């Protein structure tokens, strides 16, 4: 296992930059170990919905986790507003960094993650292969 730590800056897109980092470092299987930071705009796909919901304001990233791969990532995020109200869902493009986002990713060298259609769920799901 190898770890990667990087910082995102104001106005960068959280999801797109994670995907770019994963591609640049050829991470075929990994996970987000830790993330903290803030957003000014959030775009989430909420549970059991196909459309996206957008939020404007100042939000703290209180949780970000999931799997990453050059073959497709699956990330969930929870954010809280100035009153502590928290919401979460699937991380997608459109989440803009406010001051910073500090990301720690673990990369695994013994497996490859892919996303493949699963009959049981009807969605593209994680498939794990030995490298």
N, C-alpha and C. Protein backbone atom coordinates (compact mmCIF):
# COMPACT_ATOMS: atom_id res chain seq x y z
N UNK A 1 0.85 -1.18 0.00
CA UNK A 1 0.00 0.00 0.00
C UNK A 1 0.89 1.24 0.00
N UNK A 2 0.46 2.22 -0.75
CA UNK A 2 1.15 3.50 -0.80
C UNK A 2 0.12 4.58 -0.49
N UNK A 3 0.52 5.58 0.27
CA UNK A 3 -0.39 6.68 0.57
C UNK A 3 0.01 7.94 -0.20
N UNK A 4 -1.00 8.73 -0.53
CA UNK A 4 -0.83 10.00 -1.23
C UNK A 4 -1.59 11.07 -0.45
N UNK A 5 -0.96 12.20 -0.25
CA UNK A 5 -1.61 13.32 0.41
C UNK A 5 -1.47 14.55 -0.48
N UNK A 6 -2.59 15.26 -0.67
CA UNK A 6 -2.55 16.46 -1.49
C UNK A 6 -3.60 17.45 -1.00
N UNK A 7 -3.41 18.70 -1.40
CA UNK A 7 -4.31 19.78 -1.01
C UNK A 7 -4.92 20.41 -2.24
N UNK A 8 -6.22 20.65 -2.17
CA UNK A 8 -6.92 21.38 -3.21
C UNK A 8 -7.13 22.81 -2.76
N UNK A 9 -7.21 23.72 -3.73
CA UNK A 9 -7.26 25.15 -3.46
C UNK A 9 -8.63 25.74 -3.82
N UNK A 10 -8.88 26.98 -3.41
CA UNK A 10 -10.17 27.61 -3.68
C UNK A 10 -10.58 27.52 -5.15
N UNK A 11 -11.87 27.26 -5.33
CA UNK A 11 -12.56 27.18 -6.63
C UNK A 11 -12.27 25.91 -7.42
N UNK A 12 -11.39 25.04 -6.95
CA UNK A 12 -11.21 23.78 -7.64
C UNK A 12 -12.43 22.88 -7.39
N UNK A 13 -12.67 21.95 -8.32
CA UNK A 13 -13.79 21.01 -8.20
C UNK A 13 -13.30 19.76 -7.46
N UNK A 14 -13.92 19.46 -6.33
CA UNK A 14 -13.47 18.37 -5.47
C UNK A 14 -13.43 17.03 -6.20
N UNK A 15 -14.52 16.63 -6.82
CA UNK A 15 -14.57 15.34 -7.50
C UNK A 15 -13.62 15.29 -8.69
N UNK A 16 -13.67 16.31 -9.52
CA UNK A 16 -12.83 16.32 -10.72
C UNK A 16 -11.34 16.28 -10.37
N UNK A 17 -10.95 16.98 -9.32
CA UNK A 17 -9.53 17.00 -8.93
C UNK A 17 -9.09 15.67 -8.34
N UNK A 18 -9.97 15.01 -7.59
CA UNK A 18 -9.63 13.67 -7.09
C UNK A 18 -9.47 12.72 -8.26
N UNK A 19 -10.39 12.76 -9.21
CA UNK A 19 -10.29 11.91 -10.40
C UNK A 19 -9.01 12.20 -11.19
N UNK A 20 -8.66 13.47 -11.32
CA UNK A 20 -7.42 13.84 -12.03
C UNK A 20 -6.19 13.31 -11.31
N UNK A 21 -6.19 13.41 -9.98
CA UNK A 21 -5.06 12.92 -9.19
C UNK A 21 -4.92 11.41 -9.37
N UNK A 22 -6.04 10.70 -9.28
CA UNK A 22 -6.04 9.24 -9.43
C UNK A 22 -5.50 8.86 -10.81
N UNK A 23 -5.93 9.56 -11.85
CA UNK A 23 -5.45 9.29 -13.21
C UNK A 23 -3.96 9.59 -13.35
N UNK A 24 -3.53 10.74 -12.83
CA UNK A 24 -2.13 11.15 -12.94
C UNK A 24 -1.19 10.18 -12.23
N UNK A 25 -1.67 9.56 -11.16
CA UNK A 25 -0.84 8.63 -10.39
C UNK A 25 -1.16 7.17 -10.71
N UNK A 26 -1.99 6.96 -11.73
CA UNK A 26 -2.36 5.62 -12.20
C UNK A 26 -2.79 4.71 -11.05
N UNK A 27 -3.69 5.21 -10.22
CA UNK A 27 -4.20 4.43 -9.09
C UNK A 27 -5.36 3.57 -9.59
N UNK A 28 -5.11 2.26 -9.70
CA UNK A 28 -6.14 1.34 -10.20
C UNK A 28 -7.02 0.80 -9.08
N UNK A 29 -6.59 0.96 -7.83
CA UNK A 29 -7.40 0.54 -6.68
C UNK A 29 -6.96 1.35 -5.48
N UNK A 30 -7.90 2.03 -4.87
CA UNK A 30 -7.57 2.82 -3.69
C UNK A 30 -8.81 3.24 -2.93
N UNK A 31 -8.58 3.97 -1.85
CA UNK A 31 -9.69 4.49 -1.06
C UNK A 31 -9.28 5.82 -0.43
N UNK A 32 -10.27 6.62 -0.09
CA UNK A 32 -10.02 7.86 0.62
C UNK A 32 -9.89 7.52 2.10
N UNK A 33 -8.73 7.81 2.68
CA UNK A 33 -8.50 7.55 4.10
C UNK A 33 -8.98 8.71 4.96
N UNK A 34 -8.80 9.94 4.47
CA UNK A 34 -9.13 11.11 5.26
C UNK A 34 -9.36 12.29 4.34
N UNK A 35 -10.25 13.18 4.75
CA UNK A 35 -10.46 14.42 4.02
C UNK A 35 -11.13 15.43 4.94
N UNK A 36 -10.60 16.64 4.91
CA UNK A 36 -11.22 17.77 5.60
C UNK A 36 -11.11 18.98 4.69
N UNK A 37 -12.00 19.93 4.88
CA UNK A 37 -11.95 21.12 4.07
C UNK A 37 -13.29 21.82 4.06
N UNK A 38 -13.48 22.67 3.05
CA UNK A 38 -14.71 23.46 3.00
C UNK A 38 -15.13 23.68 1.55
N UNK A 39 -16.43 23.92 1.37
CA UNK A 39 -17.02 24.14 0.05
C UNK A 39 -17.86 25.41 0.05
N UNK A 40 -18.00 26.02 -1.13
CA UNK A 40 -18.95 27.12 -1.31
C UNK A 40 -20.14 26.69 -2.14
N UNK A 41 -20.00 25.59 -2.84
CA UNK A 41 -21.10 25.04 -3.63
C UNK A 41 -20.98 23.52 -3.59
N UNK A 42 -22.11 22.86 -3.40
CA UNK A 42 -22.12 21.40 -3.38
C UNK A 42 -23.15 20.88 -4.36
N UNK A 43 -22.77 19.86 -5.09
CA UNK A 43 -23.68 19.13 -5.97
C UNK A 43 -23.62 17.67 -5.53
N UNK A 44 -24.77 17.13 -5.12
CA UNK A 44 -24.83 15.77 -4.62
C UNK A 44 -25.93 14.99 -5.32
N UNK A 45 -25.72 13.69 -5.44
CA UNK A 45 -26.82 12.81 -5.83
C UNK A 45 -27.27 12.12 -4.57
N UNK A 46 -28.47 12.47 -4.14
CA UNK A 46 -29.00 11.94 -2.89
C UNK A 46 -29.49 10.51 -3.07
N UNK A 47 -29.71 9.83 -1.95
CA UNK A 47 -30.10 8.42 -1.97
C UNK A 47 -31.34 8.17 -2.82
N UNK A 48 -31.24 7.15 -3.66
CA UNK A 48 -32.36 6.67 -4.48
C UNK A 48 -32.92 7.72 -5.43
N UNK A 49 -32.07 8.66 -5.86
CA UNK A 49 -32.48 9.67 -6.84
C UNK A 49 -31.52 9.62 -8.02
N UNK A 50 -32.04 9.93 -9.20
CA UNK A 50 -31.19 9.95 -10.38
C UNK A 50 -30.73 11.37 -10.72
N UNK A 51 -31.42 12.38 -10.18
CA UNK A 51 -31.04 13.77 -10.45
C UNK A 51 -30.11 14.29 -9.36
N UNK A 52 -29.52 15.45 -9.60
CA UNK A 52 -28.59 16.06 -8.65
C UNK A 52 -29.29 17.18 -7.90
N UNK A 53 -28.85 17.40 -6.66
CA UNK A 53 -29.33 18.50 -5.84
C UNK A 53 -28.15 19.43 -5.57
N UNK A 54 -28.39 20.74 -5.73
CA UNK A 54 -27.31 21.71 -5.55
C UNK A 54 -27.56 22.58 -4.32
N UNK A 55 -26.45 22.95 -3.66
CA UNK A 55 -26.50 23.75 -2.45
C UNK A 55 -25.46 24.86 -2.55
N UNK A 56 -25.84 26.08 -2.19
CA UNK A 56 -24.91 27.20 -2.14
C UNK A 56 -24.79 27.68 -0.71
N UNK A 57 -23.59 28.07 -0.31
CA UNK A 57 -23.33 28.55 1.05
C UNK A 57 -21.91 28.20 1.42
N UNK A 58 -21.67 28.17 2.72
CA UNK A 58 -20.37 27.77 3.24
C UNK A 58 -20.56 26.48 4.02
N UNK A 59 -19.82 25.45 3.61
CA UNK A 59 -19.99 24.12 4.19
C UNK A 59 -18.64 23.56 4.61
N UNK A 60 -18.65 22.82 5.71
CA UNK A 60 -17.48 22.04 6.13
C UNK A 60 -17.63 20.63 5.60
N UNK A 61 -16.55 20.05 5.11
CA UNK A 61 -16.54 18.64 4.75
C UNK A 61 -16.34 17.87 6.05
N UNK A 62 -17.35 17.12 6.48
CA UNK A 62 -17.23 16.38 7.73
C UNK A 62 -16.93 14.90 7.48
N UNK A 63 -17.11 14.46 6.24
CA UNK A 63 -16.79 13.08 5.90
C UNK A 63 -16.68 12.96 4.39
N UNK A 64 -15.71 12.21 3.94
CA UNK A 64 -15.56 11.87 2.53
C UNK A 64 -14.92 10.51 2.48
N UNK A 65 -15.61 9.54 1.88
CA UNK A 65 -15.03 8.21 1.81
C UNK A 65 -15.51 7.47 0.57
N UNK A 66 -14.83 6.39 0.27
CA UNK A 66 -15.20 5.57 -0.87
C UNK A 66 -13.99 5.03 -1.58
N UNK A 67 -14.26 4.38 -2.71
CA UNK A 67 -13.21 3.76 -3.50
C UNK A 67 -12.87 4.64 -4.69
N UNK A 68 -11.59 4.60 -5.08
CA UNK A 68 -11.12 5.35 -6.25
C UNK A 68 -10.37 4.41 -7.17
N UNK A 69 -10.46 4.70 -8.47
CA UNK A 69 -9.77 3.89 -9.47
C UNK A 69 -9.77 4.63 -10.80
N UNK A 70 -8.75 4.37 -11.59
CA UNK A 70 -8.73 4.89 -12.96
C UNK A 70 -9.88 4.30 -13.77
N UNK A 71 -10.50 3.24 -13.26
CA UNK A 71 -11.61 2.57 -13.93
C UNK A 71 -12.97 3.00 -13.37
N UNK A 72 -12.99 4.04 -12.55
CA UNK A 72 -14.24 4.53 -11.97
C UNK A 72 -14.18 4.58 -10.46
N UNK A 73 -14.65 5.68 -9.90
CA UNK A 73 -14.64 5.87 -8.45
C UNK A 73 -16.07 5.92 -7.92
N UNK A 74 -16.22 5.66 -6.63
CA UNK A 74 -17.51 5.71 -5.96
C UNK A 74 -17.28 6.38 -4.60
N UNK A 75 -17.66 7.66 -4.51
CA UNK A 75 -17.38 8.46 -3.33
C UNK A 75 -18.66 9.02 -2.73
N UNK A 76 -18.72 9.05 -1.40
CA UNK A 76 -19.81 9.68 -0.67
C UNK A 76 -19.23 10.81 0.17
N UNK A 77 -20.02 11.86 0.36
CA UNK A 77 -19.58 13.01 1.14
C UNK A 77 -20.69 13.45 2.09
N UNK A 78 -20.31 13.93 3.25
CA UNK A 78 -21.22 14.61 4.18
C UNK A 78 -20.66 16.00 4.41
N UNK A 79 -21.56 17.00 4.37
CA UNK A 79 -21.17 18.38 4.59
C UNK A 79 -22.11 19.00 5.62
N UNK A 80 -21.60 19.98 6.37
CA UNK A 80 -22.45 20.67 7.35
C UNK A 80 -22.38 22.17 7.11
N UNK A 81 -23.51 22.83 7.40
CA UNK A 81 -23.56 24.29 7.23
C UNK A 81 -23.19 24.99 8.53
N UNK A 82 -23.35 26.31 8.57
CA UNK A 82 -22.97 27.10 9.73
C UNK A 82 -23.79 26.81 10.98
N UNK A 83 -24.93 26.15 10.83
CA UNK A 83 -25.75 25.76 11.97
C UNK A 83 -25.53 24.31 12.36
N UNK A 84 -24.64 23.63 11.66
CA UNK A 84 -24.36 22.23 11.95
C UNK A 84 -25.28 21.26 11.24
N UNK A 85 -26.22 21.77 10.45
CA UNK A 85 -27.10 20.89 9.69
C UNK A 85 -26.25 20.13 8.68
N UNK A 86 -26.40 18.82 8.67
CA UNK A 86 -25.56 17.97 7.85
C UNK A 86 -26.39 17.23 6.81
N UNK A 87 -25.83 17.14 5.62
CA UNK A 87 -26.45 16.39 4.53
C UNK A 87 -25.36 15.63 3.81
N UNK A 88 -25.74 14.53 3.19
CA UNK A 88 -24.74 13.74 2.48
C UNK A 88 -25.33 13.01 1.31
N UNK A 89 -24.44 12.55 0.44
CA UNK A 89 -24.84 11.78 -0.73
C UNK A 89 -23.64 11.43 -1.57
N UNK A 90 -23.91 11.04 -2.80
CA UNK A 90 -22.85 10.70 -3.75
C UNK A 90 -22.13 11.98 -4.18
N UNK A 91 -20.81 11.95 -4.11
CA UNK A 91 -20.00 13.07 -4.60
C UNK A 91 -19.95 13.02 -6.12
N UNK A 92 -20.27 14.13 -6.75
CA UNK A 92 -20.21 14.27 -8.21
C UNK A 92 -19.51 15.58 -8.54
N UNK A 93 -19.26 15.82 -9.79
CA UNK A 93 -18.67 17.09 -10.21
C UNK A 93 -19.58 18.24 -9.80
N UNK A 94 -18.97 19.36 -9.46
CA UNK A 94 -19.73 20.55 -9.11
C UNK A 94 -19.55 21.03 -7.68
N UNK A 95 -18.74 20.32 -6.89
CA UNK A 95 -18.47 20.76 -5.52
C UNK A 95 -17.22 21.65 -5.54
N UNK A 96 -17.38 22.92 -5.23
CA UNK A 96 -16.30 23.91 -5.34
C UNK A 96 -15.66 24.17 -3.98
N UNK A 97 -14.34 24.10 -3.96
CA UNK A 97 -13.57 24.32 -2.74
C UNK A 97 -13.69 25.78 -2.31
N UNK A 98 -13.89 26.01 -1.00
CA UNK A 98 -13.93 27.35 -0.44
C UNK A 98 -12.51 27.78 -0.05
N UNK A 99 -11.95 27.19 1.01
CA UNK A 99 -10.59 27.57 1.41
C UNK A 99 -9.57 26.49 1.12
N UNK A 100 -9.94 25.24 1.34
CA UNK A 100 -9.00 24.13 1.17
C UNK A 100 -9.75 22.81 1.19
N UNK A 101 -9.09 21.78 0.70
CA UNK A 101 -9.50 20.40 0.93
C UNK A 101 -8.22 19.60 1.02
N UNK A 102 -8.05 18.90 2.12
CA UNK A 102 -6.87 18.07 2.37
C UNK A 102 -7.30 16.62 2.20
N UNK A 103 -6.70 15.94 1.25
CA UNK A 103 -7.12 14.59 0.88
C UNK A 103 -5.98 13.61 1.11
N UNK A 104 -6.29 12.46 1.72
CA UNK A 104 -5.33 11.37 1.87
C UNK A 104 -5.94 10.13 1.21
N UNK A 105 -5.21 9.57 0.25
CA UNK A 105 -5.66 8.39 -0.49
C UNK A 105 -4.68 7.25 -0.27
N UNK A 106 -5.22 6.06 -0.04
CA UNK A 106 -4.41 4.84 0.00
C UNK A 106 -4.54 4.16 -1.35
N UNK A 107 -3.40 3.76 -1.94
CA UNK A 107 -3.39 3.03 -3.21
C UNK A 107 -2.92 1.61 -2.94
N UNK A 108 -3.65 0.64 -3.47
CA UNK A 108 -3.34 -0.78 -3.26
C UNK A 108 -2.71 -1.35 -4.53
N UNK A 109 -1.62 -2.08 -4.37
CA UNK A 109 -0.91 -2.57 -5.55
C UNK A 109 -1.22 -4.03 -5.88
N UNK A 110 -2.03 -4.70 -5.07
CA UNK A 110 -2.30 -6.12 -5.31
C UNK A 110 -3.65 -6.39 -5.94
N UNK A 111 -4.45 -5.33 -6.17
CA UNK A 111 -5.78 -5.49 -6.78
C UNK A 111 -6.05 -4.37 -7.78
N UNK A 112 -7.04 -4.62 -8.62
CA UNK A 112 -7.53 -3.61 -9.56
C UNK A 112 -9.03 -3.49 -9.34
N UNK A 113 -9.53 -2.26 -9.21
CA UNK A 113 -10.97 -2.03 -9.08
C UNK A 113 -11.54 -1.66 -10.44
N UNK A 114 -12.68 -2.26 -10.75
CA UNK A 114 -13.43 -1.89 -11.95
C UNK A 114 -14.88 -1.71 -11.57
N UNK A 115 -15.65 -1.06 -12.42
CA UNK A 115 -17.09 -0.89 -12.22
C UNK A 115 -17.78 -1.72 -13.29
N UNK A 116 -18.60 -2.67 -12.88
CA UNK A 116 -19.28 -3.55 -13.82
C UNK A 116 -20.75 -3.66 -13.47
N UNK A 117 -21.58 -3.84 -14.48
CA UNK A 117 -23.01 -3.98 -14.25
C UNK A 117 -23.28 -5.21 -13.39
N UNK A 118 -24.10 -5.01 -12.36
CA UNK A 118 -24.47 -6.10 -11.46
C UNK A 118 -25.97 -6.38 -11.61
N UNK A 119 -26.31 -7.59 -11.96
CA UNK A 119 -27.71 -7.99 -12.13
C UNK A 119 -28.51 -7.77 -10.84
N UNK A 120 -27.90 -8.04 -9.69
CA UNK A 120 -28.64 -7.97 -8.43
C UNK A 120 -29.04 -6.55 -8.04
N UNK A 121 -28.29 -5.54 -8.47
CA UNK A 121 -28.63 -4.16 -8.10
C UNK A 121 -29.13 -3.34 -9.28
N UNK A 122 -28.73 -3.72 -10.49
CA UNK A 122 -29.08 -2.95 -11.67
C UNK A 122 -28.17 -1.75 -11.90
N UNK A 123 -27.05 -1.69 -11.16
CA UNK A 123 -26.11 -0.58 -11.27
C UNK A 123 -24.71 -1.09 -11.57
N UNK A 124 -23.84 -0.16 -11.97
CA UNK A 124 -22.42 -0.45 -12.09
C UNK A 124 -21.87 -0.56 -10.67
N UNK A 125 -21.33 -1.71 -10.32
CA UNK A 125 -20.85 -1.97 -8.96
C UNK A 125 -19.37 -2.35 -8.99
N UNK A 126 -18.77 -2.37 -7.82
CA UNK A 126 -17.36 -2.70 -7.68
C UNK A 126 -17.09 -4.15 -8.05
N UNK A 127 -16.07 -4.33 -8.89
CA UNK A 127 -15.54 -5.65 -9.21
C UNK A 127 -14.05 -5.60 -8.89
N UNK A 128 -13.57 -6.59 -8.17
CA UNK A 128 -12.18 -6.60 -7.71
C UNK A 128 -11.42 -7.72 -8.39
N UNK A 129 -10.27 -7.37 -8.96
CA UNK A 129 -9.42 -8.34 -9.65
C UNK A 129 -8.02 -8.31 -9.05
N UNK A 130 -7.37 -9.44 -9.04
CA UNK A 130 -5.96 -9.50 -8.63
C UNK A 130 -5.13 -8.82 -9.71
N UNK A 131 -4.10 -8.09 -9.31
CA UNK A 131 -3.26 -7.42 -10.31
C UNK A 131 -2.12 -8.31 -10.75
